[in-house]
């Protein structure tokens, strides 16, 4: 194992690497994760630290997610879509700094 990302309070249900389409290298140094604790977190892989956390309604706890490269119009953001067993979908923006909105 390269690193251990610790911070969620319940089971992690989904995760993915985040890479920005304007990056000059293929490596991604950020991970986004979703958990049964009703949070979505961004992680710095290099330091193994949680960068940011966003809470969702408990009935919309993320069970899966997909990361989309940015569209070129916003080169400092990537998009993440989350899905839940309740039928809810969420769309999030992630900045290069790991901020979620």
C-alpha atoms as a PDB file:
ATOM      1  CA  UNK A   1       0.000   0.000   0.000  1.00  0.00           C
ATOM      2  CA  UNK A   2       1.317   3.435  -0.925  1.00  0.00           C
ATOM      3  CA  UNK A   3      -0.692   5.384   1.657  1.00  0.00           C
ATOM      4  CA  UNK A   4      -3.681   5.077   3.973  1.00  0.00           C
ATOM      5  CA  UNK A   5      -6.355   7.781   3.690  1.00  0.00           C
ATOM      6  CA  UNK A   6      -8.127   7.916   7.044  1.00  0.00           C
ATOM      7  CA  UNK A   7     -11.012  10.212   7.962  1.00  0.00           C
ATOM      8  CA  UNK A   8     -14.411   8.810   7.024  1.00  0.00           C
ATOM      9  CA  UNK A   9     -16.449   7.713  10.042  1.00  0.00           C
ATOM     10  CA  UNK A  10     -18.279   4.871   8.238  1.00  0.00           C
ATOM     11  CA  UNK A  11     -17.743   2.574   5.251  1.00  0.00           C
ATOM     12  CA  UNK A  12     -16.305   4.125   2.108  1.00  0.00           C
ATOM     13  CA  UNK A  13     -18.615   3.220  -0.778  1.00  0.00           C
ATOM     14  CA  UNK A  14     -16.847   4.846  -3.721  1.00  0.00           C
ATOM     15  CA  UNK A  15     -13.648   6.592  -4.740  1.00  0.00           C
ATOM     16  CA  UNK A  16     -11.793   7.786  -7.820  1.00  0.00           C
ATOM     17  CA  UNK A  17      -8.656   9.632  -8.828  1.00  0.00           C
ATOM     18  CA  UNK A  18      -9.131  13.212 -10.017  1.00  0.00           C
ATOM     19  CA  UNK A  19      -7.042  14.509 -12.918  1.00  0.00           C
ATOM     20  CA  UNK A  20      -7.550  17.823 -14.654  1.00  0.00           C
ATOM     21  CA  UNK A  21      -7.537  17.803 -18.449  1.00  0.00           C
ATOM     22  CA  UNK A  22      -5.038  20.649 -18.572  1.00  0.00           C
ATOM     23  CA  UNK A  23      -2.484  18.692 -16.498  1.00  0.00           C
ATOM     24  CA  UNK A  24       0.728  18.049 -18.383  1.00  0.00           C
ATOM     25  CA  UNK A  25       1.291  14.664 -16.743  1.00  0.00           C
ATOM     26  CA  UNK A  26      -0.960  11.638 -16.587  1.00  0.00           C
ATOM     27  CA  UNK A  27      -0.600  11.260 -12.824  1.00  0.00           C
ATOM     28  CA  UNK A  28      -3.301  12.471 -10.480  1.00  0.00           C
ATOM     29  CA  UNK A  29      -2.459  13.539  -6.941  1.00  0.00           C
ATOM     30  CA  UNK A  30      -6.042  13.853  -5.684  1.00  0.00           C
ATOM     31  CA  UNK A  31      -8.694  11.283  -4.768  1.00  0.00           C
ATOM     32  CA  UNK A  32     -12.385  11.933  -4.154  1.00  0.00           C
ATOM     33  CA  UNK A  33     -14.358   9.523  -1.949  1.00  0.00           C
ATOM     34  CA  UNK A  34     -17.915   9.008  -0.769  1.00  0.00           C
ATOM     35  CA  UNK A  35     -19.034   7.269   2.400  1.00  0.00           C
ATOM     36  CA  UNK A  36     -21.974   5.971   4.396  1.00  0.00           C
ATOM     37  CA  UNK A  37     -21.152   8.774   6.852  1.00  0.00           C
ATOM     38  CA  UNK A  38     -22.878  11.100   4.323  1.00  0.00           C
ATOM     39  CA  UNK A  39     -19.723  12.949   3.320  1.00  0.00           C
ATOM     40  CA  UNK A  40     -17.740  13.431   0.157  1.00  0.00           C
ATOM     41  CA  UNK A  41     -14.040  14.067   0.726  1.00  0.00           C
ATOM     42  CA  UNK A  42     -11.077  15.149  -1.342  1.00  0.00           C
ATOM     43  CA  UNK A  43      -7.646  13.778  -0.484  1.00  0.00           C
ATOM     44  CA  UNK A  44      -4.089  14.788  -1.276  1.00  0.00           C
ATOM     45  CA  UNK A  45      -2.373  11.527  -2.191  1.00  0.00           C
ATOM     46  CA  UNK A  46       1.121  12.934  -1.655  1.00  0.00           C
ATOM     47  CA  UNK A  47       0.529  13.945   1.968  1.00  0.00           C
ATOM     48  CA  UNK A  48      -2.277  11.383   2.677  1.00  0.00           C
ATOM     49  CA  UNK A  49      -4.380  14.221   4.131  1.00  0.00           C
ATOM     50  CA  UNK A  50      -8.043  15.048   3.730  1.00  0.00           C
ATOM     51  CA  UNK A  51      -8.189  18.375   1.903  1.00  0.00           C
ATOM     52  CA  UNK A  52     -11.892  19.068   2.167  1.00  0.00           C
ATOM     53  CA  UNK A  53     -15.180  17.459   3.164  1.00  0.00           C
ATOM     54  CA  UNK A  54     -18.769  18.176   2.172  1.00  0.00           C
ATOM     55  CA  UNK A  55     -21.846  16.781   3.896  1.00  0.00           C
ATOM     56  CA  UNK A  56     -24.878  15.479   2.045  1.00  0.00           C
ATOM     57  CA  UNK A  57     -28.357  14.668   3.311  1.00  0.00           C
ATOM     58  CA  UNK A  58     -28.259  11.271   5.038  1.00  0.00           C
ATOM     59  CA  UNK A  59     -30.772   9.820   2.557  1.00  0.00           C
ATOM     60  CA  UNK A  60     -28.446  10.782  -0.321  1.00  0.00           C
ATOM     61  CA  UNK A  61     -25.328   9.041   0.995  1.00  0.00           C
ATOM     62  CA  UNK A  62     -23.121   8.398  -2.038  1.00  0.00           C
ATOM     63  CA  UNK A  63     -22.882   4.812  -3.263  1.00  0.00           C
ATOM     64  CA  UNK A  64     -21.038   5.517  -6.507  1.00  0.00           C
ATOM     65  CA  UNK A  65     -19.324   8.409  -8.227  1.00  0.00           C
ATOM     66  CA  UNK A  66     -17.805   9.358 -11.549  1.00  0.00           C
ATOM     67  CA  UNK A  67     -15.157  11.987 -12.250  1.00  0.00           C
ATOM     68  CA  UNK A  68     -15.260  14.048 -15.416  1.00  0.00           C
ATOM     69  CA  UNK A  69     -12.348  15.993 -16.860  1.00  0.00           C
ATOM     70  CA  UNK A  70     -13.068  19.666 -17.117  1.00  0.00           C
ATOM     71  CA  UNK A  71     -14.625  21.002 -20.273  1.00  0.00           C
ATOM     72  CA  UNK A  72     -11.891  23.514 -21.085  1.00  0.00           C
ATOM     73  CA  UNK A  73     -14.123  26.408 -20.073  1.00  0.00           C
ATOM     74  CA  UNK A  74     -13.174  26.073 -16.423  1.00  0.00           C
ATOM     75  CA  UNK A  75      -9.588  24.733 -16.454  1.00  0.00           C
ATOM     76  CA  UNK A  76      -9.274  24.928 -12.679  1.00  0.00           C
ATOM     77  CA  UNK A  77     -12.237  22.624 -11.940  1.00  0.00           C
ATOM     78  CA  UNK A  78     -13.279  19.031 -12.508  1.00  0.00           C
ATOM     79  CA  UNK A  79     -16.785  17.628 -12.085  1.00  0.00           C
ATOM     80  CA  UNK A  80     -17.934  14.719  -9.958  1.00  0.00           C
ATOM     81  CA  UNK A  81     -21.335  13.048 -10.183  1.00  0.00           C
ATOM     82  CA  UNK A  82     -22.556  11.035  -7.190  1.00  0.00           C
ATOM     83  CA  UNK A  83     -25.415   8.534  -6.999  1.00  0.00           C
ATOM     84  CA  UNK A  84     -27.269   7.080  -4.031  1.00  0.00           C
ATOM     85  CA  UNK A  85     -29.636   4.178  -3.339  1.00  0.00           C
ATOM     86  CA  UNK A  86     -32.397   6.737  -2.713  1.00  0.00           C
ATOM     87  CA  UNK A  87     -32.334   7.615  -6.409  1.00  0.00           C
ATOM     88  CA  UNK A  88     -30.613  10.935  -5.844  1.00  0.00           C
ATOM     89  CA  UNK A  89     -27.877  12.311  -8.060  1.00  0.00           C
ATOM     90  CA  UNK A  90     -25.467  15.064  -7.116  1.00  0.00           C
ATOM     91  CA  UNK A  91     -23.142  17.138  -9.258  1.00  0.00           C
ATOM     92  CA  UNK A  92     -20.068  18.665  -7.639  1.00  0.00           C
ATOM     93  CA  UNK A  93     -17.259  20.923  -8.763  1.00  0.00           C
ATOM     94  CA  UNK A  94     -13.763  20.224  -7.439  1.00  0.00           C
ATOM     95  CA  UNK A  95     -11.025  22.825  -7.711  1.00  0.00           C
ATOM     96  CA  UNK A  96      -7.336  22.021  -8.094  1.00  0.00           C
ATOM     97  CA  UNK A  97      -7.015  22.900  -4.405  1.00  0.00           C
ATOM     98  CA  UNK A  98      -9.557  20.207  -3.492  1.00  0.00           C
ATOM     99  CA  UNK A  99     -12.461  22.498  -2.645  1.00  0.00           C
ATOM    100  CA  UNK A 100     -15.941  21.056  -3.208  1.00  0.00           C
ATOM    101  CA  UNK A 101     -18.986  23.041  -4.251  1.00  0.00           C
END
